[in-house]
Amino acid sequence: MLVTMILNSNAMTADGDTNLSELDSKKKSASEAFVNSFGGYPIGYGLGIVILPLSTGWIQSDPYIANIAITTTYAVVGFTRSYFLRRIFEKYGVDDNFIRLAKNGIMKLMERRK
């Protein structure tokens, strides 16, 4: 039995066949995941620089509640970052992969300098 699933208005069959638009969607998802992952590192690092020194005394006096509060802060910031990146990808119709977008952006900057 051949089962067809509809994903983002693109057909993908259960036996693994995909059409070109589905592959493009996978590239878009991979690009979005790349930007989300590597864009999250500096945000998390900066958040750690701010939140951890502020909570040193609190961690020592009540480690359980401090742990919950810090973890919740990181989770809220991560959710917000993911949400806004998804909205940006949808708003600007980023349908290409991240490497090609970066290459095209650099080429446009080089053309403007000429």
PDB file of N, CA and C in Angstrom:
ATOM      1  N   MET A   1       0.845  -1.183   0.000  1.00  0.00           N
ATOM      2  CA  MET A   1       0.000   0.000   0.000  1.00  0.00           C
ATOM      3  C   MET A   1       0.880   1.231   0.000  1.00  0.00           C
ATOM      4  N   LEU A   2       0.601   2.148  -0.863  1.00  0.00           N
ATOM      5  CA  LEU A   2       1.377   3.370  -1.000  1.00  0.00           C
ATOM      6  C   LEU A   2       0.667   4.483  -0.250  1.00  0.00           C
ATOM      7  N   VAL A   3       1.337   5.001   0.733  1.00  0.00           N
ATOM      8  CA  VAL A   3       0.760   6.068   1.547  1.00  0.00           C
ATOM      9  C   VAL A   3       1.406   7.381   1.139  1.00  0.00           C
ATOM     10  N   THR A   4       0.602   8.381   0.874  1.00  0.00           N
ATOM     11  CA  THR A   4       1.119   9.688   0.503  1.00  0.00           C
ATOM     12  C   THR A   4       0.831  10.665   1.623  1.00  0.00           C
ATOM     13  N   MET A   5       1.879  11.350   2.019  1.00  0.00           N
ATOM     14  CA  MET A   5       1.746  12.364   3.062  1.00  0.00           C
ATOM     15  C   MET A   5       1.917  13.728   2.414  1.00  0.00           C
ATOM     16  N   ILE A   6       1.168  14.684   2.867  1.00  0.00           N
ATOM     17  CA  ILE A   6       1.286  16.044   2.362  1.00  0.00           C
ATOM     18  C   ILE A   6       2.027  16.862   3.415  1.00  0.00           C
ATOM     19  N   LEU A   7       3.202  17.339   3.033  1.00  0.00           N
ATOM     20  CA  LEU A   7       4.010  18.161   3.923  1.00  0.00           C
ATOM     21  C   LEU A   7       4.284  19.493   3.243  1.00  0.00           C
ATOM     22  N   ASN A   8       3.804  20.566   3.833  1.00  0.00           N
ATOM     23  CA  ASN A   8       4.020  21.901   3.282  1.00  0.00           C
ATOM     24  C   ASN A   8       3.612  21.981   1.816  1.00  0.00           C
ATOM     25  N   SER A   9       2.512  21.365   1.463  1.00  0.00           N
ATOM     26  CA  SER A   9       1.973  21.326   0.106  1.00  0.00           C
ATOM     27  C   SER A   9       2.892  20.605  -0.874  1.00  0.00           C
ATOM     28  N   ASN A  10       3.816  19.795  -0.384  1.00  0.00           N
ATOM     29  CA  ASN A  10       4.693  18.994  -1.227  1.00  0.00           C
ATOM     30  C   ASN A  10       4.435  17.533  -0.923  1.00  0.00           C
ATOM     31  N   ALA A  11       4.386  16.688  -1.951  1.00  0.00           N
ATOM     32  CA  ALA A  11       4.083  15.277  -1.737  1.00  0.00           C
ATOM     33  C   ALA A  11       5.363  14.498  -1.449  1.00  0.00           C
ATOM     34  N   MET A  12       5.262  13.575  -0.510  1.00  0.00           N
ATOM     35  CA  MET A  12       6.351  12.651  -0.225  1.00  0.00           C
ATOM     36  C   MET A  12       5.710  11.297  -0.008  1.00  0.00           C
ATOM     37  N   THR A  13       6.218  10.273  -0.684  1.00  0.00           N
ATOM     38  CA  THR A  13       5.624   8.954  -0.554  1.00  0.00           C
ATOM     39  C   THR A  13       6.282   8.190   0.576  1.00  0.00           C
ATOM     40  N   ALA A  14       5.592   7.194   1.090  1.00  0.00           N
ATOM     41  CA  ALA A  14       6.076   6.420   2.230  1.00  0.00           C
ATOM     42  C   ALA A  14       7.297   5.584   1.883  1.00  0.00           C
ATOM     43  N   ASP A  15       7.508   5.267   0.610  1.00  0.00           N
ATOM     44  CA  ASP A  15       8.680   4.466   0.244  1.00  0.00           C
ATOM     45  C   ASP A  15       9.937   5.315   0.061  1.00  0.00           C
ATOM     46  N   GLY A  16       9.865   6.601   0.400  1.00  0.00           N
ATOM     47  CA  GLY A  16      11.047   7.443   0.410  1.00  0.00           C
ATOM     48  C   GLY A  16      11.243   8.305  -0.815  1.00  0.00           C
ATOM     49  N   ASP A  17      10.376   8.188  -1.823  1.00  0.00           N
ATOM     50  CA  ASP A  17      10.516   9.023  -3.002  1.00  0.00           C
ATOM     51  C   ASP A  17      10.134  10.456  -2.649  1.00  0.00           C
ATOM     52  N   THR A  18      10.954  11.385  -3.093  1.00  0.00           N
ATOM     53  CA  THR A  18      10.648  12.795  -2.883  1.00  0.00           C
ATOM     54  C   THR A  18      10.792  13.523  -4.200  1.00  0.00           C
ATOM     55  N   ASN A  19      10.020  14.572  -4.348  1.00  0.00           N
ATOM     56  CA  ASN A  19      10.169  15.377  -5.549  1.00  0.00           C
ATOM     57  C   ASN A  19      11.112  16.539  -5.259  1.00  0.00           C
ATOM     58  N   LEU A  20      11.449  17.300  -6.275  1.00  0.00           N
ATOM     59  CA  LEU A  20      12.440  18.363  -6.142  1.00  0.00           C
ATOM     60  C   LEU A  20      12.012  19.416  -5.124  1.00  0.00           C
ATOM     61  N   SER A  21      10.735  19.789  -5.102  1.00  0.00           N
ATOM     62  CA  SER A  21      10.300  20.816  -4.163  1.00  0.00           C
ATOM     63  C   SER A  21      10.418  20.332  -2.714  1.00  0.00           C
ATOM     64  N   GLU A  22      10.264  19.037  -2.485  1.00  0.00           N
ATOM     65  CA  GLU A  22      10.442  18.493  -1.135  1.00  0.00           C
ATOM     66  C   GLU A  22      11.907  18.581  -0.719  1.00  0.00           C
ATOM     67  N   LEU A  23      12.811  18.306  -1.656  1.00  0.00           N
ATOM     68  CA  LEU A  23      14.239  18.420  -1.356  1.00  0.00           C
ATOM     69  C   LEU A  23      14.607  19.860  -1.049  1.00  0.00           C
ATOM     70  N   ASP A  24      14.014  20.810  -1.781  1.00  0.00           N
ATOM     71  CA  ASP A  24      14.246  22.218  -1.505  1.00  0.00           C
ATOM     72  C   ASP A  24      13.754  22.576  -0.110  1.00  0.00           C
ATOM     73  N   SER A  25      12.618  22.012   0.291  1.00  0.00           N
ATOM     74  CA  SER A  25      12.089  22.256   1.619  1.00  0.00           C
ATOM     75  C   SER A  25      13.035  21.709   2.690  1.00  0.00           C
ATOM     76  N   LYS A  26      13.650  20.562   2.395  1.00  0.00           N
ATOM     77  CA  LYS A  26      14.617  19.990   3.336  1.00  0.00           C
ATOM     78  C   LYS A  26      15.847  20.881   3.453  1.00  0.00           C
ATOM     79  N   LYS A  27      16.287  21.452   2.333  1.00  0.00           N
ATOM     80  CA  LYS A  27      17.422  22.377   2.364  1.00  0.00           C
ATOM     81  C   LYS A  27      17.068  23.618   3.185  1.00  0.00           C
ATOM     82  N   LYS A  28      15.846  24.100   3.015  1.00  0.00           N
ATOM     83  CA  LYS A  28      15.407  25.265   3.779  1.00  0.00           C
ATOM     84  C   LYS A  28      15.385  24.939   5.267  1.00  0.00           C
ATOM     85  N   SER A  29      14.888  23.766   5.621  1.00  0.00           N
ATOM     86  CA  SER A  29      14.858  23.360   7.028  1.00  0.00           C
ATOM     87  C   SER A  29      16.264  23.213   7.587  1.00  0.00           C
ATOM     88  N   ALA A  30      17.168  22.635   6.807  1.00  0.00           N
ATOM     89  CA  ALA A  30      18.550  22.488   7.256  1.00  0.00           C
ATOM     90  C   ALA A  30      19.211  23.847   7.438  1.00  0.00           C
ATOM     91  N   SER A  31      18.935  24.758   6.519  1.00  0.00           N
ATOM     92  CA  SER A  31      19.485  26.104   6.621  1.00  0.00           C
ATOM     93  C   SER A  31      18.969  26.810   7.868  1.00  0.00           C
ATOM     94  N   GLU A  32      17.681  26.687   8.116  1.00  0.00           N
ATOM     95  CA  GLU A  32      17.075  27.305   9.300  1.00  0.00           C
ATOM     96  C   GLU A  32      17.645  26.698  10.585  1.00  0.00           C
ATOM     97  N   ALA A  33      17.816  25.386  10.596  1.00  0.00           N
ATOM     98  CA  ALA A  33      18.386  24.727  11.774  1.00  0.00           C
ATOM     99  C   ALA A  33      19.830  25.166  12.005  1.00  0.00           C
ATOM    100  N   PHE A  34      20.600  25.327  10.924  1.00  0.00           N
ATOM    101  CA  PHE A  34      21.979  25.789  11.041  1.00  0.00           C
ATOM    102  C   PHE A  34      22.041  27.180  11.645  1.00  0.00           C
ATOM    103  N   VAL A  35      21.246  28.094  11.114  1.00  0.00           N
ATOM    104  CA  VAL A  35      21.229  29.464  11.631  1.00  0.00           C
ATOM    105  C   VAL A  35      20.772  29.476  13.084  1.00  0.00           C
ATOM    106  N   ASN A  36      19.770  28.673  13.417  1.00  0.00           N
ATOM    107  CA  ASN A  36      19.254  28.613  14.783  1.00  0.00           C
ATOM    108  C   ASN A  36      20.309  28.072  15.744  1.00  0.00           C
ATOM    109  N   SER A  37      20.993  27.014  15.344  1.00  0.00           N
ATOM    110  CA  SER A  37      21.991  26.403  16.223  1.00  0.00           C
ATOM    111  C   SER A  37      23.190  27.309  16.451  1.00  0.00           C
ATOM    112  N   PHE A  38      23.783  27.759  15.359  1.00  0.00           N
ATOM    113  CA  PHE A  38      24.993  28.556  15.497  1.00  0.00           C
ATOM    114  C   PHE A  38      24.704  30.001  15.870  1.00  0.00           C
ATOM    115  N   GLY A  39      23.505  30.466  15.630  1.00  0.00           N
ATOM    116  CA  GLY A  39      23.103  31.784  16.107  1.00  0.00           C
ATOM    117  C   GLY A  39      22.771  31.761  17.587  1.00  0.00           C
ATOM    118  N   GLY A  40      22.416  30.591  18.101  1.00  0.00           N
ATOM    119  CA  GLY A  40      22.089  30.462  19.516  1.00  0.00           C
ATOM    120  C   GLY A  40      23.304  30.473  20.412  1.00  0.00           C
ATOM    121  N   TYR A  41      24.461  30.109  19.883  1.00  0.00           N
ATOM    122  CA  TYR A  41      25.670  30.056  20.709  1.00  0.00           C
ATOM    123  C   TYR A  41      26.036  31.434  21.278  1.00  0.00           C
ATOM    124  N   PRO A  42      26.159  32.477  20.443  1.00  0.00           N
ATOM    125  CA  PRO A  42      26.511  33.774  21.027  1.00  0.00           C
ATOM    126  C   PRO A  42      25.434  34.322  21.965  1.00  0.00           C
ATOM    127  N   ILE A  43      24.184  34.028  21.671  1.00  0.00           N
ATOM    128  CA  ILE A  43      23.116  34.488  22.551  1.00  0.00           C
ATOM    129  C   ILE A  43      23.209  33.794  23.902  1.00  0.00           C
ATOM    130  N   GLY A  44      23.396  32.481  23.895  1.00  0.00           N
ATOM    131  CA  GLY A  44      23.544  31.737  25.142  1.00  0.00           C
ATOM    132  C   GLY A  44      24.787  32.134  25.912  1.00  0.00           C
ATOM    133  N   TYR A  45      25.869  32.396  25.196  1.00  0.00           N
ATOM    134  CA  TYR A  45      27.112  32.817  25.834  1.00  0.00           C
ATOM    135  C   TYR A  45      26.928  34.171  26.522  1.00  0.00           C
ATOM    136  N   GLY A  46      26.321  35.102  25.799  1.00  0.00           N
ATOM    137  CA  GLY A  46      26.054  36.425  26.378  1.00  0.00           C
ATOM    138  C   GLY A  46      25.103  36.341  27.558  1.00  0.00           C
ATOM    139  N   LEU A  47      24.102  35.509  27.441  1.00  0.00           N
ATOM    140  CA  LEU A  47      23.155  35.331  28.545  1.00  0.00           C
ATOM    141  C   LEU A  47      23.858  34.748  29.767  1.00  0.00           C
ATOM    142  N   GLY A  48      24.774  33.814  29.550  1.00  0.00           N
ATOM    143  CA  GLY A  48      25.541  33.236  30.650  1.00  0.00           C
ATOM    144  C   GLY A  48      26.413  34.262  31.343  1.00  0.00           C
ATOM    145  N   ILE A  49      27.008  35.156  30.552  1.00  0.00           N
ATOM    146  CA  ILE A  49      27.842  36.211  31.135  1.00  0.00           C
ATOM    147  C   ILE A  49      27.018  37.133  32.022  1.00  0.00           C
ATOM    148  N   VAL A  50      25.772  37.359  31.651  1.00  0.00           N
ATOM    149  CA  VAL A  50      24.905  38.253  32.431  1.00  0.00           C
ATOM    150  C   VAL A  50      24.271  37.529  33.614  1.00  0.00           C
ATOM    151  N   ILE A  51      23.668  36.360  33.367  1.00  0.00           N
ATOM    152  CA  ILE A  51      22.829  35.733  34.390  1.00  0.00           C
ATOM    153  C   ILE A  51      23.627  35.000  35.473  1.00  0.00           C
ATOM    154  N   LEU A  52      24.717  34.352  35.117  1.00  0.00           N
ATOM    155  CA  LEU A  52      25.444  33.559  36.111  1.00  0.00           C
ATOM    156  C   LEU A  52      26.110  34.409  37.204  1.00  0.00           C
ATOM    157  N   PRO A  53      26.788  35.504  36.883  1.00  0.00           N
ATOM    158  CA  PRO A  53      27.330  36.326  37.972  1.00  0.00           C
ATOM    159  C   PRO A  53      26.249  36.934  38.867  1.00  0.00           C
ATOM    160  N   LEU A  54      25.106  37.248  38.273  1.00  0.00           N
ATOM    161  CA  LEU A  54      24.016  37.829  39.067  1.00  0.00           C
ATOM    162  C   LEU A  54      23.404  36.814  40.032  1.00  0.00           C
ATOM    163  N   SER A  55      23.548  35.541  39.728  1.00  0.00           N
ATOM    164  CA  SER A  55      22.875  34.531  40.531  1.00  0.00           C
ATOM    165  C   SER A  55      23.818  33.709  41.417  1.00  0.00           C
ATOM    166  N   THR A  56      25.074  34.123  41.570  1.00  0.00           N
ATOM    167  CA  THR A  56      26.019  33.308  42.350  1.00  0.00           C
ATOM    168  C   THR A  56      25.590  33.154  43.804  1.00  0.00           C
ATOM    169  N   GLY A  57      25.192  34.213  44.457  1.00  0.00           N
ATOM    170  CA  GLY A  57      24.743  34.102  45.845  1.00  0.00           C
ATOM    171  C   GLY A  57      23.464  33.304  45.962  1.00  0.00           C
ATOM    172  N   TRP A  58      22.590  33.466  45.005  1.00  0.00           N
ATOM    173  CA  TRP A  58      21.312  32.768  45.006  1.00  0.00           C
ATOM    174  C   TRP A  58      21.507  31.272  44.808  1.00  0.00           C
ATOM    175  N   ILE A  59      22.454  30.895  43.969  1.00  0.00           N
ATOM    176  CA  ILE A  59      22.732  29.477  43.728  1.00  0.00           C
ATOM    177  C   ILE A  59      23.196  28.799  45.015  1.00  0.00           C
ATOM    178  N   GLN A  60      24.012  29.500  45.795  1.00  0.00           N
ATOM    179  CA  GLN A  60      24.527  28.929  47.039  1.00  0.00           C
ATOM    180  C   GLN A  60      23.445  28.815  48.107  1.00  0.00           C
ATOM    181  N   SER A  61      22.550  29.794  48.177  1.00  0.00           N
ATOM    182  CA  SER A  61      21.529  29.767  49.225  1.00  0.00           C
ATOM    183  C   SER A  61      20.363  28.838  48.901  1.00  0.00           C
ATOM    184  N   ASP A  62      19.935  28.769  47.642  1.00  0.00           N
ATOM    185  CA  ASP A  62      18.801  27.925  47.248  1.00  0.00           C
ATOM    186  C   ASP A  62      19.058  27.341  45.859  1.00  0.00           C
ATOM    187  N   PRO A  63      19.893  26.303  45.767  1.00  0.00           N
ATOM    188  CA  PRO A  63      20.305  25.799  44.452  1.00  0.00           C
ATOM    189  C   PRO A  63      19.172  25.228  43.612  1.00  0.00           C
ATOM    190  N   TYR A  64      18.160  24.641  44.239  1.00  0.00           N
ATOM    191  CA  TYR A  64      17.064  24.035  43.487  1.00  0.00           C
ATOM    192  C   TYR A  64      16.266  25.104  42.733  1.00  0.00           C
ATOM    193  N   ILE A  65      15.832  26.125  43.439  1.00  0.00           N
ATOM    194  CA  ILE A  65      15.042  27.196  42.817  1.00  0.00           C
ATOM    195  C   ILE A  65      15.892  27.977  41.824  1.00  0.00           C
ATOM    196  N   ALA A  66      17.156  28.221  42.156  1.00  0.00           N
ATOM    197  CA  ALA A  66      18.040  28.943  41.242  1.00  0.00           C
ATOM    198  C   ALA A  66      18.218  28.150  39.944  1.00  0.00           C
ATOM    199  N   ASN A  67      18.369  26.842  40.052  1.00  0.00           N
ATOM    200  CA  ASN A  67      18.515  25.997  38.875  1.00  0.00           C
ATOM    201  C   ASN A  67      17.271  26.064  37.999  1.00  0.00           C
ATOM    202  N   ILE A  68      16.119  26.003  38.613  1.00  0.00           N
ATOM    203  CA  ILE A  68      14.862  26.091  37.850  1.00  0.00           C
ATOM    204  C   ILE A  68      14.742  27.453  37.162  1.00  0.00           C
ATOM    205  N   ALA A  69      15.072  28.516  37.875  1.00  0.00           N
ATOM    206  CA  ALA A  69      14.962  29.866  37.307  1.00  0.00           C
ATOM    207  C   ALA A  69      15.936  30.062  36.141  1.00  0.00           C
ATOM    208  N   ILE A  70      17.170  29.621  36.294  1.00  0.00           N
ATOM    209  CA  ILE A  70      18.164  29.780  35.233  1.00  0.00           C
ATOM    210  C   ILE A  70      17.790  28.936  34.025  1.00  0.00           C
ATOM    211  N   THR A  71      17.375  27.705  34.246  1.00  0.00           N
ATOM    212  CA  THR A  71      16.967  26.830  33.152  1.00  0.00           C
ATOM    213  C   THR A  71      15.752  27.402  32.418  1.00  0.00           C
ATOM    214  N   THR A  72      14.800  27.932  33.174  1.00  0.00           N
ATOM    215  CA  THR A  72      13.617  28.550  32.558  1.00  0.00           C
ATOM    216  C   THR A  72      14.016  29.760  31.716  1.00  0.00           C
ATOM    217  N   THR A  73      14.953  30.555  32.212  1.00  0.00           N
ATOM    218  CA  THR A  73      15.420  31.721  31.457  1.00  0.00           C
ATOM    219  C   THR A  73      16.035  31.292  30.131  1.00  0.00           C
ATOM    220  N   TYR A  74      16.911  30.278  30.175  1.00  0.00           N
ATOM    221  CA  TYR A  74      17.518  29.783  28.940  1.00  0.00           C
ATOM    222  C   TYR A  74      16.451  29.217  27.994  1.00  0.00           C
ATOM    223  N   ALA A  75      15.471  28.516  28.514  1.00  0.00           N
ATOM    224  CA  ALA A  75      14.416  27.936  27.684  1.00  0.00           C
ATOM    225  C   ALA A  75      13.572  29.030  27.017  1.00  0.00           C
ATOM    226  N   VAL A  76      13.226  30.061  27.761  1.00  0.00           N
ATOM    227  CA  VAL A  76      12.413  31.161  27.206  1.00  0.00           C
ATOM    228  C   VAL A  76      13.200  31.900  26.127  1.00  0.00           C
ATOM    229  N   VAL A  77      14.467  32.175  26.385  1.00  0.00           N
ATOM    230  CA  VAL A  77      15.296  32.856  25.385  1.00  0.00           C
ATOM    231  C   VAL A  77      15.454  31.980  24.140  1.00  0.00           C
ATOM    232  N   GLY A  78      15.669  30.676  24.315  1.00  0.00           N
ATOM    233  CA  GLY A  78      15.795  29.771  23.178  1.00  0.00           C
ATOM    234  C   GLY A  78      14.516  29.673  22.361  1.00  0.00           C
ATOM    235  N   PHE A  79      13.380  29.599  23.043  1.00  0.00           N
ATOM    236  CA  PHE A  79      12.094  29.553  22.341  1.00  0.00           C
ATOM    237  C   PHE A  79      11.866  30.844  21.554  1.00  0.00           C
ATOM    238  N   THR A  80      12.147  31.973  22.186  1.00  0.00           N
ATOM    239  CA  THR A  80      11.954  33.271  21.529  1.00  0.00           C
ATOM    240  C   THR A  80      12.860  33.401  20.312  1.00  0.00           C
ATOM    241  N   ARG A  81      14.117  32.978  20.441  1.00  0.00           N
ATOM    242  CA  ARG A  81      15.053  33.022  19.324  1.00  0.00           C
ATOM    243  C   ARG A  81      14.551  32.152  18.175  1.00  0.00           C
ATOM    244  N   SER A  82      14.132  30.935  18.479  1.00  0.00           N
ATOM    245  CA  SER A  82      13.631  30.031  17.445  1.00  0.00           C
ATOM    246  C   SER A  82      12.392  30.585  16.764  1.00  0.00           C
ATOM    247  N   TYR A  83      11.497  31.166  17.551  1.00  0.00           N
ATOM    248  CA  TYR A  83      10.257  31.721  17.006  1.00  0.00           C
ATOM    249  C   TYR A  83      10.560  32.860  16.034  1.00  0.00           C
ATOM    250  N   PHE A  84      11.416  33.789  16.462  1.00  0.00           N
ATOM    251  CA  PHE A  84      11.700  34.934  15.597  1.00  0.00           C
ATOM    252  C   PHE A  84      12.501  34.534  14.361  1.00  0.00           C
ATOM    253  N   LEU A  85      13.402  33.575  14.488  1.00  0.00           N
ATOM    254  CA  LEU A  85      14.111  33.110  13.301  1.00  0.00           C
ATOM    255  C   LEU A  85      13.150  32.448  12.314  1.00  0.00           C
ATOM    256  N   ARG A  86      12.202  31.672  12.813  1.00  0.00           N
ATOM    257  CA  ARG A  86      11.206  31.051  11.937  1.00  0.00           C
ATOM    258  C   ARG A  86      10.377  32.112  11.232  1.00  0.00           C
ATOM    259  N   ARG A  87       9.971  33.154  11.962  1.00  0.00           N
ATOM    260  CA  ARG A  87       9.197  34.240  11.350  1.00  0.00           C
ATOM    261  C   ARG A  87      10.017  34.966  10.287  1.00  0.00           C
ATOM    262  N   ILE A  88      11.307  35.187  10.549  1.00  0.00           N
ATOM    263  CA  ILE A  88      12.160  35.855   9.571  1.00  0.00           C
ATOM    264  C   ILE A  88      12.289  35.004   8.317  1.00  0.00           C
ATOM    265  N   PHE A  89      12.495  33.696   8.475  1.00  0.00           N
ATOM    266  CA  PHE A  89      12.613  32.815   7.322  1.00  0.00           C
ATOM    267  C   PHE A  89      11.310  32.813   6.526  1.00  0.00           C
ATOM    268  N   GLU A  90      10.173  32.825   7.196  1.00  0.00           N
ATOM    269  CA  GLU A  90       8.892  32.824   6.494  1.00  0.00           C
ATOM    270  C   GLU A  90       8.596  34.179   5.854  1.00  0.00           C
ATOM    271  N   LYS A  91       8.892  35.271   6.556  1.00  0.00           N
ATOM    272  CA  LYS A  91       8.582  36.606   6.050  1.00  0.00           C
ATOM    273  C   LYS A  91       9.366  36.927   4.789  1.00  0.00           C
ATOM    274  N   TYR A  92      10.653  36.618   4.799  1.00  0.00           N
ATOM    275  CA  TYR A  92      11.495  36.968   3.670  1.00  0.00           C
ATOM    276  C   TYR A  92      11.588  35.862   2.633  1.00  0.00           C
ATOM    277  N   GLY A  93      10.885  34.764   2.846  1.00  0.00           N
ATOM    278  CA  GLY A  93      10.837  33.700   1.851  1.00  0.00           C
ATOM    279  C   GLY A  93      12.190  33.093   1.566  1.00  0.00           C
ATOM    280  N   VAL A  94      12.932  32.828   2.599  1.00  0.00           N
ATOM    281  CA  VAL A  94      14.261  32.254   2.421  1.00  0.00           C
ATOM    282  C   VAL A  94      14.080  30.806   1.982  1.00  0.00           C
ATOM    283  N   ASP A  95      14.160  30.589   0.671  1.00  0.00           N
ATOM    284  CA  ASP A  95      13.945  29.261   0.110  1.00  0.00           C
ATOM    285  C   ASP A  95      15.243  28.583  -0.309  1.00  0.00           C
ATOM    286  N   ASP A  96      16.333  29.244  -0.111  1.00  0.00           N
ATOM    287  CA  ASP A  96      17.609  28.711  -0.547  1.00  0.00           C
ATOM    288  C   ASP A  96      18.403  28.231   0.657  1.00  0.00           C
ATOM    289  N   ASN A  97      19.472  27.488   0.421  1.00  0.00           N
ATOM    290  CA  ASN A  97      20.249  27.058   1.565  1.00  0.00           C
ATOM    291  C   ASN A  97      21.166  28.177   2.045  1.00  0.00           C
ATOM    292  N   PHE A  98      21.625  28.073   3.263  1.00  0.00           N
ATOM    293  CA  PHE A  98      22.344  29.148   3.933  1.00  0.00           C
ATOM    294  C   PHE A  98      23.658  29.480   3.237  1.00  0.00           C
ATOM    295  N   ILE A  99      24.377  28.492   2.763  1.00  0.00           N
ATOM    296  CA  ILE A  99      25.671  28.728   2.119  1.00  0.00           C
ATOM    297  C   ILE A  99      25.485  29.522   0.834  1.00  0.00           C
ATOM    298  N   ARG A 100      24.495  29.147   0.043  1.00  0.00           N
ATOM    299  CA  ARG A 100      24.224  29.873  -1.199  1.00  0.00           C
ATOM    300  C   ARG A 100      23.754  31.292  -0.898  1.00  0.00           C
ATOM    301  N   LEU A 101      22.952  31.480   0.138  1.00  0.00           N
ATOM    302  CA  LEU A 101      22.513  32.826   0.512  1.00  0.00           C
ATOM    303  C   LEU A 101      23.698  33.683   0.932  1.00  0.00           C
ATOM    304  N   ALA A 102      24.613  33.126   1.726  1.00  0.00           N
ATOM    305  CA  ALA A 102      25.795  33.865   2.153  1.00  0.00           C
ATOM    306  C   ALA A 102      26.658  34.237   0.942  1.00  0.00           C
ATOM    307  N   LYS A 103      26.832  33.299   0.032  1.00  0.00           N
ATOM    308  CA  LYS A 103      27.621  33.552  -1.175  1.00  0.00           C
ATOM    309  C   LYS A 103      26.996  34.671  -2.003  1.00  0.00           C
ATOM    310  N   ASN A 104      25.680  34.620  -2.207  1.00  0.00           N
ATOM    311  CA  ASN A 104      24.998  35.661  -2.976  1.00  0.00           C
ATOM    312  C   ASN A 104      25.085  37.014  -2.279  1.00  0.00           C
ATOM    313  N   GLY A 105      24.978  37.005  -0.946  1.00  0.00           N
ATOM    314  CA  GLY A 105      25.085  38.263  -0.191  1.00  0.00           C
ATOM    315  C   GLY A 105      26.463  38.874  -0.313  1.00  0.00           C
ATOM    316  N   ILE A 106      27.500  38.054  -0.260  1.00  0.00           N
ATOM    317  CA  ILE A 106      28.874  38.552  -0.411  1.00  0.00           C
ATOM    318  C   ILE A 106      29.089  39.096  -1.820  1.00  0.00           C
ATOM    319  N   MET A 107      28.552  38.401  -2.814  1.00  0.00           N
ATOM    320  CA  MET A 107      28.682  38.868  -4.200  1.00  0.00           C
ATOM    321  C   MET A 107      27.999  40.221  -4.390  1.00  0.00           C
ATOM    322  N   LYS A 108      26.831  40.415  -3.779  1.00  0.00           N
ATOM    323  CA  LYS A 108      26.133  41.698  -3.891  1.00  0.00           C
ATOM    324  C   LYS A 108      26.928  42.810  -3.222  1.00  0.00           C
ATOM    325  N   LEU A 109      27.532  42.512  -2.077  1.00  0.00           N
ATOM    326  CA  LEU A 109      28.359  43.511  -1.415  1.00  0.00           C
ATOM    327  C   LEU A 109      29.573  43.886  -2.249  1.00  0.00           C
ATOM    328  N   MET A 110      30.174  42.889  -2.895  1.00  0.00           N
ATOM    329  CA  MET A 110      31.338  43.149  -3.746  1.00  0.00           C
ATOM    330  C   MET A 110      30.937  44.016  -4.949  1.00  0.00           C
ATOM    331  N   GLU A 111      29.738  43.773  -5.505  1.00  0.00           N
ATOM    332  CA  GLU A 111      29.262  44.560  -6.649  1.00  0.00           C
ATOM    333  C   GLU A 111      29.004  46.002  -6.251  1.00  0.00           C
ATOM    334  N   ARG A 112      28.515  46.232  -5.043  1.00  0.00           N
ATOM    335  CA  ARG A 112      28.243  47.591  -4.575  1.00  0.00           C
ATOM    336  C   ARG A 112      29.528  48.393  -4.386  1.00  0.00           C
ATOM    337  N   ARG A 113      30.614  47.708  -4.035  1.00  0.00           N
ATOM    338  CA  ARG A 113      31.892  48.396  -3.844  1.00  0.00           C
ATOM    339  C   ARG A 113      32.502  48.865  -5.151  1.00  0.00           C
ATOM    340  N   LYS A 114      32.136  48.234  -6.244  1.00  0.00           N
ATOM    341  CA  LYS A 114      32.714  48.595  -7.555  1.00  0.00           C
ATOM    342  C   LYS A 114      32.184  49.884  -8.083  1.00  0.00           C
TER     343      LYS A 114
END
